């Protein structure tokens, strides 16, 4: 990062076609990750002029343990904005700058964003009052992130520190061996399940198949969690084999239960359910 020395904040940005995973070096509190997720999603949409429904953002590995952020394009084929974000040196900075503007900040006079300057850059109304407190529908809140509204706080210091660092940063590709090492850290690879969802989504995208409507969906009053949900097809994807009771209950409710617990069989499983995933490109 040229203008913010000694801040190696975002070491791992992994791009799989129209899918991107962003993992901070150090674990952040839930509020910071929820705020960062909302800010970057809005920043990407503004930077690349895409609709809110075209981009999906999800925490990894799960809602209450957010070590990374997963972004993917919901539209089949997508616009390729995430590939540009991962490969173009300046795009991440533009996204972060737009996110800071959305958080009701004016541009710094010298073009360099600094954390300590943000209070003076904050926009106010005609009476000098703040435009909003933790968040509003003009900045971070939306219909799509309603479950996170209680966690979103545009003043969160960890989230602002990251956004400022990104706003002054450049993306640089890593050598393959170093990228693999960092990927292991960024994905929390101490457990095989932590990266399984990202691998499954990458396989889905690489095959040109339909993206899910939702990820990490609790079922049977939280007794199990489906990795992905396809609402129109009434299908639930599980990356670990659900027990018989869960499967029977979901079947009774009209849901297809699709078992993806064996990665070597993923291609065959996709092919078995064209009504859910579509046909491979």
C-alpha atoms as a PDB file:
ATOM      1  CA  UNK A   1       0.000   0.000   0.000  1.00  0.00           C
ATOM      2  CA  UNK A   2       1.768   3.089  -1.218  1.00  0.00           C
ATOM      3  CA  UNK A   3       0.177   5.858   0.869  1.00  0.00           C
ATOM      4  CA  UNK A   4      -0.542   3.945   4.071  1.00  0.00           C
ATOM      5  CA  UNK A   5       2.780   2.323   5.051  1.00  0.00           C
ATOM      6  CA  UNK A   6       2.988  -0.725   7.313  1.00  0.00           C
ATOM      7  CA  UNK A   7      -0.718  -1.542   6.995  1.00  0.00           C
ATOM      8  CA  UNK A   8      -0.959  -4.985   5.466  1.00  0.00           C
ATOM      9  CA  UNK A   9      -4.702  -5.063   6.011  1.00  0.00           C
ATOM     10  CA  UNK A  10      -6.150  -7.214   3.245  1.00  0.00           C
ATOM     11  CA  UNK A  11      -3.713  -9.923   2.212  1.00  0.00           C
ATOM     12  CA  UNK A  12      -6.094 -12.284   0.491  1.00  0.00           C
ATOM     13  CA  UNK A  13      -8.453 -11.446  -2.346  1.00  0.00           C
ATOM     14  CA  UNK A  14      -9.271 -14.653  -4.175  1.00  0.00           C
ATOM     15  CA  UNK A  15     -11.099 -14.472  -7.490  1.00  0.00           C
ATOM     16  CA  UNK A  16     -12.913 -17.414  -9.078  1.00  0.00           C
ATOM     17  CA  UNK A  17     -14.559 -16.098 -12.244  1.00  0.00           C
ATOM     18  CA  UNK A  18     -17.418 -13.962 -10.783  1.00  0.00           C
ATOM     19  CA  UNK A  19     -16.702 -14.837  -7.157  1.00  0.00           C
ATOM     20  CA  UNK A  20     -14.385 -13.031  -4.742  1.00  0.00           C
ATOM     21  CA  UNK A  21     -13.314 -13.695  -1.144  1.00  0.00           C
ATOM     22  CA  UNK A  22     -11.834 -10.931   0.987  1.00  0.00           C
ATOM     23  CA  UNK A  23     -10.169 -11.880   4.277  1.00  0.00           C
ATOM     24  CA  UNK A  24      -8.596  -9.350   6.679  1.00  0.00           C
ATOM     25  CA  UNK A  25      -5.296 -10.400   8.267  1.00  0.00           C
ATOM     26  CA  UNK A  26      -6.635 -10.085  11.804  1.00  0.00           C
ATOM     27  CA  UNK A  27     -10.024 -11.259  13.048  1.00  0.00           C
ATOM     28  CA  UNK A  28     -12.520  -8.404  13.424  1.00  0.00           C
ATOM     29  CA  UNK A  29     -15.604  -8.105  15.646  1.00  0.00           C
ATOM     30  CA  UNK A  30     -18.994  -8.932  14.169  1.00  0.00           C
ATOM     31  CA  UNK A  31     -20.014  -5.262  13.958  1.00  0.00           C
ATOM     32  CA  UNK A  32     -16.894  -4.366  11.992  1.00  0.00           C
ATOM     33  CA  UNK A  33     -17.353  -7.244   9.529  1.00  0.00           C
ATOM     34  CA  UNK A  34     -21.066  -6.550   9.036  1.00  0.00           C
ATOM     35  CA  UNK A  35     -20.339  -2.860   8.435  1.00  0.00           C
ATOM     36  CA  UNK A  36     -17.468  -3.645   6.075  1.00  0.00           C
ATOM     37  CA  UNK A  37     -19.634  -6.114   4.149  1.00  0.00           C
ATOM     38  CA  UNK A  38     -22.389  -3.531   3.633  1.00  0.00           C
ATOM     39  CA  UNK A  39     -19.964  -0.723   2.776  1.00  0.00           C
ATOM     40  CA  UNK A  40     -17.977  -2.714   0.207  1.00  0.00           C
ATOM     41  CA  UNK A  41     -21.122  -4.095  -1.424  1.00  0.00           C
ATOM     42  CA  UNK A  42     -22.540  -0.600  -1.855  1.00  0.00           C
ATOM     43  CA  UNK A  43     -19.140   0.698  -2.961  1.00  0.00           C
ATOM     44  CA  UNK A  44     -18.830  -2.008  -5.636  1.00  0.00           C
ATOM     45  CA  UNK A  45     -22.336  -1.310  -6.913  1.00  0.00           C
ATOM     46  CA  UNK A  46     -21.658   2.419  -7.171  1.00  0.00           C
ATOM     47  CA  UNK A  47     -18.205   2.038  -8.725  1.00  0.00           C
ATOM     48  CA  UNK A  48     -19.282  -0.381 -11.442  1.00  0.00           C
ATOM     49  CA  UNK A  49     -22.854   0.914 -11.849  1.00  0.00           C
ATOM     50  CA  UNK A  50     -24.597  -2.407 -11.203  1.00  0.00           C
ATOM     51  CA  UNK A  51     -27.974  -3.037  -9.583  1.00  0.00           C
ATOM     52  CA  UNK A  52     -28.189  -4.015  -5.925  1.00  0.00           C
ATOM     53  CA  UNK A  53     -29.733  -7.360  -6.855  1.00  0.00           C
ATOM     54  CA  UNK A  54     -26.805  -8.223  -9.154  1.00  0.00           C
ATOM     55  CA  UNK A  55     -24.277  -8.613  -6.330  1.00  0.00           C
ATOM     56  CA  UNK A  56     -24.544 -10.918  -3.315  1.00  0.00           C
ATOM     57  CA  UNK A  57     -22.384 -10.535  -0.190  1.00  0.00           C
ATOM     58  CA  UNK A  58     -22.153 -13.222   2.500  1.00  0.00           C
ATOM     59  CA  UNK A  59     -19.930 -13.762   5.559  1.00  0.00           C
ATOM     60  CA  UNK A  60     -17.681 -16.823   5.855  1.00  0.00           C
ATOM     61  CA  UNK A  61     -17.663 -19.331   7.391  1.00  0.00           C
ATOM     62  CA  UNK A  62     -20.979 -18.407   9.117  1.00  0.00           C
ATOM     63  CA  UNK A  63     -23.074 -15.502  10.348  1.00  0.00           C
ATOM     64  CA  UNK A  64     -21.823 -15.486  13.931  1.00  0.00           C
ATOM     65  CA  UNK A  65     -18.187 -16.206  13.035  1.00  0.00           C
ATOM     66  CA  UNK A  66     -17.140 -13.847  10.253  1.00  0.00           C
ATOM     67  CA  UNK A  67     -13.522 -14.279   9.209  1.00  0.00           C
ATOM     68  CA  UNK A  68     -13.965 -13.437   5.526  1.00  0.00           C
ATOM     69  CA  UNK A  69     -16.431 -11.869   3.110  1.00  0.00           C
ATOM     70  CA  UNK A  70     -17.702 -13.650   0.016  1.00  0.00           C
ATOM     71  CA  UNK A  71     -18.967 -11.634  -2.955  1.00  0.00           C
ATOM     72  CA  UNK A  72     -20.504 -13.155  -6.070  1.00  0.00           C
ATOM     73  CA  UNK A  73     -22.511 -11.940  -9.020  1.00  0.00           C
ATOM     74  CA  UNK A  74     -26.070 -13.231  -8.904  1.00  0.00           C
ATOM     75  CA  UNK A  75     -26.850 -12.820 -12.603  1.00  0.00           C
ATOM     76  CA  UNK A  76     -25.874 -15.703 -14.877  1.00  0.00           C
ATOM     77  CA  UNK A  77     -22.599 -14.792 -16.577  1.00  0.00           C
ATOM     78  CA  UNK A  78     -22.335 -11.592 -14.537  1.00  0.00           C
ATOM     79  CA  UNK A  79     -20.661  -8.350 -15.535  1.00  0.00           C
ATOM     80  CA  UNK A  80     -17.169  -9.449 -14.500  1.00  0.00           C
ATOM     81  CA  UNK A  81     -16.811  -6.660 -11.943  1.00  0.00           C
ATOM     82  CA  UNK A  82     -15.235  -8.908  -9.296  1.00  0.00           C
ATOM     83  CA  UNK A  83     -12.559 -10.110 -11.700  1.00  0.00           C
ATOM     84  CA  UNK A  84     -11.729  -6.480 -12.442  1.00  0.00           C
ATOM     85  CA  UNK A  85     -11.675  -5.711  -8.724  1.00  0.00           C
ATOM     86  CA  UNK A  86      -9.178  -8.517  -8.048  1.00  0.00           C
ATOM     87  CA  UNK A  87      -6.911  -7.781 -11.006  1.00  0.00           C
ATOM     88  CA  UNK A  88      -6.991  -4.021 -11.563  1.00  0.00           C
ATOM     89  CA  UNK A  89      -4.581  -2.120  -9.318  1.00  0.00           C
ATOM     90  CA  UNK A  90      -6.837   0.886  -8.742  1.00  0.00           C
ATOM     91  CA  UNK A  91     -10.339  -0.625  -8.515  1.00  0.00           C
ATOM     92  CA  UNK A  92     -10.268  -1.571  -4.823  1.00  0.00           C
ATOM     93  CA  UNK A  93      -9.279   1.974  -3.895  1.00  0.00           C
ATOM     94  CA  UNK A  94     -12.138   3.389  -5.975  1.00  0.00           C
ATOM     95  CA  UNK A  95     -14.606   1.056  -4.263  1.00  0.00           C
ATOM     96  CA  UNK A  96     -13.380   2.042  -0.796  1.00  0.00           C
ATOM     97  CA  UNK A  97     -13.432   5.745  -1.667  1.00  0.00           C
ATOM     98  CA  UNK A  98     -17.012   5.457  -2.901  1.00  0.00           C
ATOM     99  CA  UNK A  99     -17.907   3.564   0.273  1.00  0.00           C
ATOM    100  CA  UNK A 100     -16.487   6.383   2.414  1.00  0.00           C
ATOM    101  CA  UNK A 101     -18.481   8.916   0.398  1.00  0.00           C
ATOM    102  CA  UNK A 102     -21.619   6.839   0.938  1.00  0.00           C
ATOM    103  CA  UNK A 103     -20.875   7.009   4.671  1.00  0.00           C
ATOM    104  CA  UNK A 104     -21.525  10.767   4.399  1.00  0.00           C
ATOM    105  CA  UNK A 105     -17.941  11.985   4.010  1.00  0.00           C
ATOM    106  CA  UNK A 106     -16.635  14.684   1.682  1.00  0.00           C
ATOM    107  CA  UNK A 107     -13.503  14.078  -0.371  1.00  0.00           C
ATOM    108  CA  UNK A 108     -10.240  15.089   1.355  1.00  0.00           C
ATOM    109  CA  UNK A 109      -8.693  18.207  -0.152  1.00  0.00           C
ATOM    110  CA  UNK A 110      -5.400  16.482  -0.968  1.00  0.00           C
ATOM    111  CA  UNK A 111      -7.019  13.256  -2.197  1.00  0.00           C
ATOM    112  CA  UNK A 112      -5.530  11.138   0.613  1.00  0.00           C
ATOM    113  CA  UNK A 113      -7.967   9.576   3.067  1.00  0.00           C
ATOM    114  CA  UNK A 114      -6.886   9.585   6.734  1.00  0.00           C
ATOM    115  CA  UNK A 115      -8.753   8.059   9.652  1.00  0.00           C
ATOM    116  CA  UNK A 116      -8.165  11.065  11.888  1.00  0.00           C
ATOM    117  CA  UNK A 117      -9.631  13.423   9.260  1.00  0.00           C
ATOM    118  CA  UNK A 118     -12.990  11.655   8.909  1.00  0.00           C
ATOM    119  CA  UNK A 119     -14.823  13.623  11.646  1.00  0.00           C
ATOM    120  CA  UNK A 120     -13.980  16.895   9.889  1.00  0.00           C
ATOM    121  CA  UNK A 121     -15.000  15.460   6.511  1.00  0.00           C
ATOM    122  CA  UNK A 122     -18.417  14.287   7.678  1.00  0.00           C
ATOM    123  CA  UNK A 123     -21.329  15.936   5.895  1.00  0.00           C
ATOM    124  CA  UNK A 124     -24.042  17.673   7.938  1.00  0.00           C
ATOM    125  CA  UNK A 125     -27.432  19.181   7.245  1.00  0.00           C
ATOM    126  CA  UNK A 126     -28.184  22.929   7.119  1.00  0.00           C
ATOM    127  CA  UNK A 127     -28.332  23.053  10.923  1.00  0.00           C
ATOM    128  CA  UNK A 128     -24.994  21.323  11.353  1.00  0.00           C
ATOM    129  CA  UNK A 129     -26.506  18.019  12.476  1.00  0.00           C
ATOM    130  CA  UNK A 130     -25.207  14.613  11.393  1.00  0.00           C
ATOM    131  CA  UNK A 131     -27.142  13.140   8.466  1.00  0.00           C
ATOM    132  CA  UNK A 132     -27.516   9.811  10.272  1.00  0.00           C
ATOM    133  CA  UNK A 133     -26.112   7.941  13.264  1.00  0.00           C
ATOM    134  CA  UNK A 134     -25.248   4.241  12.868  1.00  0.00           C
ATOM    135  CA  UNK A 135     -26.698   3.932   9.380  1.00  0.00           C
ATOM    136  CA  UNK A 136     -29.558   4.881   7.084  1.00  0.00           C
ATOM    137  CA  UNK A 137     -31.056   3.826   3.774  1.00  0.00           C
ATOM    138  CA  UNK A 138     -28.988   6.492   2.003  1.00  0.00           C
ATOM    139  CA  UNK A 139     -25.734   4.885   3.158  1.00  0.00           C
ATOM    140  CA  UNK A 140     -25.506   1.270   4.380  1.00  0.00           C
ATOM    141  CA  UNK A 141     -28.984  -0.044   5.131  1.00  0.00           C
ATOM    142  CA  UNK A 142     -31.023  -1.830   2.482  1.00  0.00           C
ATOM    143  CA  UNK A 143     -33.753  -4.407   2.071  1.00  0.00           C
ATOM    144  CA  UNK A 144     -31.101  -6.988   1.199  1.00  0.00           C
ATOM    145  CA  UNK A 145     -29.148  -6.641   4.454  1.00  0.00           C
ATOM    146  CA  UNK A 146     -32.051  -6.323   6.905  1.00  0.00           C
ATOM    147  CA  UNK A 147     -30.796  -9.186   9.134  1.00  0.00           C
ATOM    148  CA  UNK A 148     -27.583  -7.191   9.696  1.00  0.00           C
ATOM    149  CA  UNK A 149     -29.169  -3.838  10.511  1.00  0.00           C
ATOM    150  CA  UNK A 150     -28.591  -4.236  14.255  1.00  0.00           C
ATOM    151  CA  UNK A 151     -24.887  -4.930  13.626  1.00  0.00           C
ATOM    152  CA  UNK A 152     -24.172  -2.177  11.063  1.00  0.00           C
ATOM    153  CA  UNK A 153     -22.488   0.949  12.412  1.00  0.00           C
ATOM    154  CA  UNK A 154     -20.960   3.427   9.977  1.00  0.00           C
ATOM    155  CA  UNK A 155     -18.830   4.808  12.831  1.00  0.00           C
ATOM    156  CA  UNK A 156     -17.210   1.472  13.675  1.00  0.00           C
ATOM    157  CA  UNK A 157     -13.477   2.270  14.028  1.00  0.00           C
ATOM    158  CA  UNK A 158     -12.177  -1.086  12.735  1.00  0.00           C
ATOM    159  CA  UNK A 159     -14.337  -0.886   9.611  1.00  0.00           C
ATOM    160  CA  UNK A 160     -13.346   2.734   8.973  1.00  0.00           C
ATOM    161  CA  UNK A 161      -9.654   1.901   9.431  1.00  0.00           C
ATOM    162  CA  UNK A 162      -9.890  -0.803   6.789  1.00  0.00           C
ATOM    163  CA  UNK A 163     -11.832   1.369   4.362  1.00  0.00           C
ATOM    164  CA  UNK A 164      -9.298   4.195   4.719  1.00  0.00           C
ATOM    165  CA  UNK A 165      -6.409   1.770   4.140  1.00  0.00           C
ATOM    166  CA  UNK A 166      -8.123   0.374   1.018  1.00  0.00           C
ATOM    167  CA  UNK A 167      -8.913   3.887  -0.250  1.00  0.00           C
ATOM    168  CA  UNK A 168      -5.172   4.592  -0.423  1.00  0.00           C
ATOM    169  CA  UNK A 169      -4.109   1.130  -1.585  1.00  0.00           C
ATOM    170  CA  UNK A 170      -3.217  -0.677  -4.795  1.00  0.00           C
ATOM    171  CA  UNK A 171      -3.969  -4.313  -5.573  1.00  0.00           C
ATOM    172  CA  UNK A 172      -0.894  -6.374  -6.386  1.00  0.00           C
ATOM    173  CA  UNK A 173      -0.915 -10.002  -7.520  1.00  0.00           C
ATOM    174  CA  UNK A 174       1.070 -12.396  -5.369  1.00  0.00           C
ATOM    175  CA  UNK A 175       3.349 -15.203  -6.549  1.00  0.00           C
ATOM    176  CA  UNK A 176       1.456 -18.495  -6.586  1.00  0.00           C
ATOM    177  CA  UNK A 177       3.291 -20.025  -3.625  1.00  0.00           C
ATOM    178  CA  UNK A 178       2.815 -16.964  -1.410  1.00  0.00           C
ATOM    179  CA  UNK A 179      -0.838 -16.619  -2.430  1.00  0.00           C
ATOM    180  CA  UNK A 180      -1.483 -20.225  -1.429  1.00  0.00           C
ATOM    181  CA  UNK A 181       0.079 -19.638   1.985  1.00  0.00           C
ATOM    182  CA  UNK A 182      -1.956 -16.490   2.584  1.00  0.00           C
ATOM    183  CA  UNK A 183      -5.128 -18.187   1.338  1.00  0.00           C
ATOM    184  CA  UNK A 184      -4.687 -20.798   4.035  1.00  0.00           C
ATOM    185  CA  UNK A 185      -4.507 -18.079   6.695  1.00  0.00           C
ATOM    186  CA  UNK A 186      -7.272 -15.919   5.259  1.00  0.00           C
ATOM    187  CA  UNK A 187      -9.758 -18.751   4.915  1.00  0.00           C
ATOM    188  CA  UNK A 188      -9.228 -20.052   8.416  1.00  0.00           C
ATOM    189  CA  UNK A 189      -7.996 -23.340   7.033  1.00  0.00           C
ATOM    190  CA  UNK A 190      -7.571 -24.996  10.395  1.00  0.00           C
ATOM    191  CA  UNK A 191     -10.842 -26.728   9.598  1.00  0.00           C
ATOM    192  CA  UNK A 192     -11.693 -28.304   6.250  1.00  0.00           C
ATOM    193  CA  UNK A 193     -15.268 -27.070   6.467  1.00  0.00           C
ATOM    194  CA  UNK A 194     -14.250 -23.407   6.643  1.00  0.00           C
ATOM    195  CA  UNK A 195     -13.262 -23.228   2.966  1.00  0.00           C
ATOM    196  CA  UNK A 196     -15.660 -25.870   1.634  1.00  0.00           C
ATOM    197  CA  UNK A 197     -18.416 -23.360   0.891  1.00  0.00           C
ATOM    198  CA  UNK A 198     -16.015 -21.152  -1.069  1.00  0.00           C
ATOM    199  CA  UNK A 199     -14.773 -24.186  -3.037  1.00  0.00           C
ATOM    200  CA  UNK A 200     -18.349 -25.248  -3.798  1.00  0.00           C
ATOM    201  CA  UNK A 201     -19.306 -21.762  -4.991  1.00  0.00           C
ATOM    202  CA  UNK A 202     -16.153 -21.529  -7.092  1.00  0.00           C
ATOM    203  CA  UNK A 203     -16.990 -24.871  -8.734  1.00  0.00           C
ATOM    204  CA  UNK A 204     -20.533 -23.651  -9.369  1.00  0.00           C
ATOM    205  CA  UNK A 205     -19.304 -20.434 -10.970  1.00  0.00           C
ATOM    206  CA  UNK A 206     -16.639 -22.143 -13.062  1.00  0.00           C
ATOM    207  CA  UNK A 207     -19.296 -24.446 -14.502  1.00  0.00           C
ATOM    208  CA  UNK A 208     -21.496 -21.470 -15.394  1.00  0.00           C
ATOM    209  CA  UNK A 209     -24.358 -22.690 -13.196  1.00  0.00           C
ATOM    210  CA  UNK A 210     -27.043 -20.727 -11.367  1.00  0.00           C
ATOM    211  CA  UNK A 211     -26.072 -18.972  -8.141  1.00  0.00           C
ATOM    212  CA  UNK A 212     -28.156 -19.696  -5.025  1.00  0.00           C
ATOM    213  CA  UNK A 213     -30.706 -17.279  -3.614  1.00  0.00           C
ATOM    214  CA  UNK A 214     -29.228 -17.527  -0.106  1.00  0.00           C
ATOM    215  CA  UNK A 215     -26.310 -19.061   1.773  1.00  0.00           C
ATOM    216  CA  UNK A 216     -26.026 -20.588   5.269  1.00  0.00           C
ATOM    217  CA  UNK A 217     -29.782 -21.015   5.764  1.00  0.00           C
ATOM    218  CA  UNK A 218     -30.892 -22.459   9.150  1.00  0.00           C
ATOM    219  CA  UNK A 219     -33.513 -25.197   8.782  1.00  0.00           C
ATOM    220  CA  UNK A 220     -35.710 -27.122  11.207  1.00  0.00           C
ATOM    221  CA  UNK A 221     -35.565 -24.298  13.750  1.00  0.00           C
ATOM    222  CA  UNK A 222     -31.775 -24.193  13.622  1.00  0.00           C
ATOM    223  CA  UNK A 223     -31.215 -27.930  13.964  1.00  0.00           C
ATOM    224  CA  UNK A 224     -29.177 -27.851  10.737  1.00  0.00           C
ATOM    225  CA  UNK A 225     -27.799 -25.302   8.279  1.00  0.00           C
ATOM    226  CA  UNK A 226     -28.149 -25.612   4.509  1.00  0.00           C
ATOM    227  CA  UNK A 227     -25.115 -24.255   2.659  1.00  0.00           C
ATOM    228  CA  UNK A 228     -27.298 -22.884  -0.141  1.00  0.00           C
ATOM    229  CA  UNK A 229     -30.955 -22.375  -0.949  1.00  0.00           C
ATOM    230  CA  UNK A 230     -32.727 -22.253  -4.329  1.00  0.00           C
ATOM    231  CA  UNK A 231     -36.176 -20.889  -3.607  1.00  0.00           C
ATOM    232  CA  UNK A 232     -37.882 -21.389  -6.974  1.00  0.00           C
ATOM    233  CA  UNK A 233     -36.726 -25.006  -7.255  1.00  0.00           C
ATOM    234  CA  UNK A 234     -37.444 -25.596  -3.537  1.00  0.00           C
ATOM    235  CA  UNK A 235     -33.964 -27.048  -3.114  1.00  0.00           C
ATOM    236  CA  UNK A 236     -31.484 -27.001  -0.241  1.00  0.00           C
ATOM    237  CA  UNK A 237     -27.794 -27.842  -0.653  1.00  0.00           C
ATOM    238  CA  UNK A 238     -25.853 -29.473   2.194  1.00  0.00           C
ATOM    239  CA  UNK A 239     -22.059 -29.728   2.238  1.00  0.00           C
ATOM    240  CA  UNK A 240     -22.173 -32.137   5.174  1.00  0.00           C
ATOM    241  CA  UNK A 241     -24.642 -35.007   5.029  1.00  0.00           C
ATOM    242  CA  UNK A 242     -27.865 -34.104   6.895  1.00  0.00           C
ATOM    243  CA  UNK A 243     -29.253 -36.654   9.323  1.00  0.00           C
ATOM    244  CA  UNK A 244     -32.270 -38.763   8.456  1.00  0.00           C
ATOM    245  CA  UNK A 245     -34.667 -36.807  10.673  1.00  0.00           C
ATOM    246  CA  UNK A 246     -33.714 -33.478   9.101  1.00  0.00           C
ATOM    247  CA  UNK A 247     -33.998 -34.912   5.608  1.00  0.00           C
ATOM    248  CA  UNK A 248     -37.426 -36.425   6.319  1.00  0.00           C
ATOM    249  CA  UNK A 249     -38.768 -33.190   7.822  1.00  0.00           C
ATOM    250  CA  UNK A 250     -37.563 -31.125   4.852  1.00  0.00           C
ATOM    251  CA  UNK A 251     -39.032 -33.593   2.386  1.00  0.00           C
ATOM    252  CA  UNK A 252     -42.359 -33.349   4.224  1.00  0.00           C
ATOM    253  CA  UNK A 253     -42.204 -29.579   3.767  1.00  0.00           C
ATOM    254  CA  UNK A 254     -41.637 -29.951   0.025  1.00  0.00           C
ATOM    255  CA  UNK A 255     -37.888 -29.263  -0.098  1.00  0.00           C
ATOM    256  CA  UNK A 256     -35.384 -31.159  -2.198  1.00  0.00           C
ATOM    257  CA  UNK A 257     -32.351 -32.112  -0.116  1.00  0.00           C
ATOM    258  CA  UNK A 258     -29.195 -32.260  -2.251  1.00  0.00           C
ATOM    259  CA  UNK A 259     -26.163 -33.856  -0.627  1.00  0.00           C
ATOM    260  CA  UNK A 260     -22.807 -32.359  -1.695  1.00  0.00           C
ATOM    261  CA  UNK A 261     -20.809 -33.909   1.146  1.00  0.00           C
ATOM    262  CA  UNK A 262     -18.447 -35.674  -1.302  1.00  0.00           C
ATOM    263  CA  UNK A 263     -16.446 -33.081  -3.305  1.00  0.00           C
ATOM    264  CA  UNK A 264     -15.317 -35.657  -5.860  1.00  0.00           C
ATOM    265  CA  UNK A 265     -18.986 -36.126  -6.834  1.00  0.00           C
ATOM    266  CA  UNK A 266     -19.915 -32.451  -7.166  1.00  0.00           C
ATOM    267  CA  UNK A 267     -19.903 -32.426 -10.975  1.00  0.00           C
ATOM    268  CA  UNK A 268     -22.166 -35.465 -11.116  1.00  0.00           C
ATOM    269  CA  UNK A 269     -24.490 -33.972  -8.524  1.00  0.00           C
ATOM    270  CA  UNK A 270     -24.814 -30.731 -10.491  1.00  0.00           C
ATOM    271  CA  UNK A 271     -25.632 -32.733 -13.619  1.00  0.00           C
ATOM    272  CA  UNK A 272     -28.328 -34.697 -11.779  1.00  0.00           C
ATOM    273  CA  UNK A 273     -30.274 -31.526 -10.960  1.00  0.00           C
ATOM    274  CA  UNK A 274     -30.514 -29.304 -14.068  1.00  0.00           C
ATOM    275  CA  UNK A 275     -33.828 -27.858 -12.831  1.00  0.00           C
ATOM    276  CA  UNK A 276     -31.961 -26.433  -9.842  1.00  0.00           C
ATOM    277  CA  UNK A 277     -28.541 -25.454 -11.194  1.00  0.00           C
ATOM    278  CA  UNK A 278     -29.135 -25.188 -14.956  1.00  0.00           C
ATOM    279  CA  UNK A 279     -26.811 -26.693 -17.549  1.00  0.00           C
ATOM    280  CA  UNK A 280     -23.031 -26.380 -17.553  1.00  0.00           C
ATOM    281  CA  UNK A 281     -21.611 -23.813 -19.962  1.00  0.00           C
END
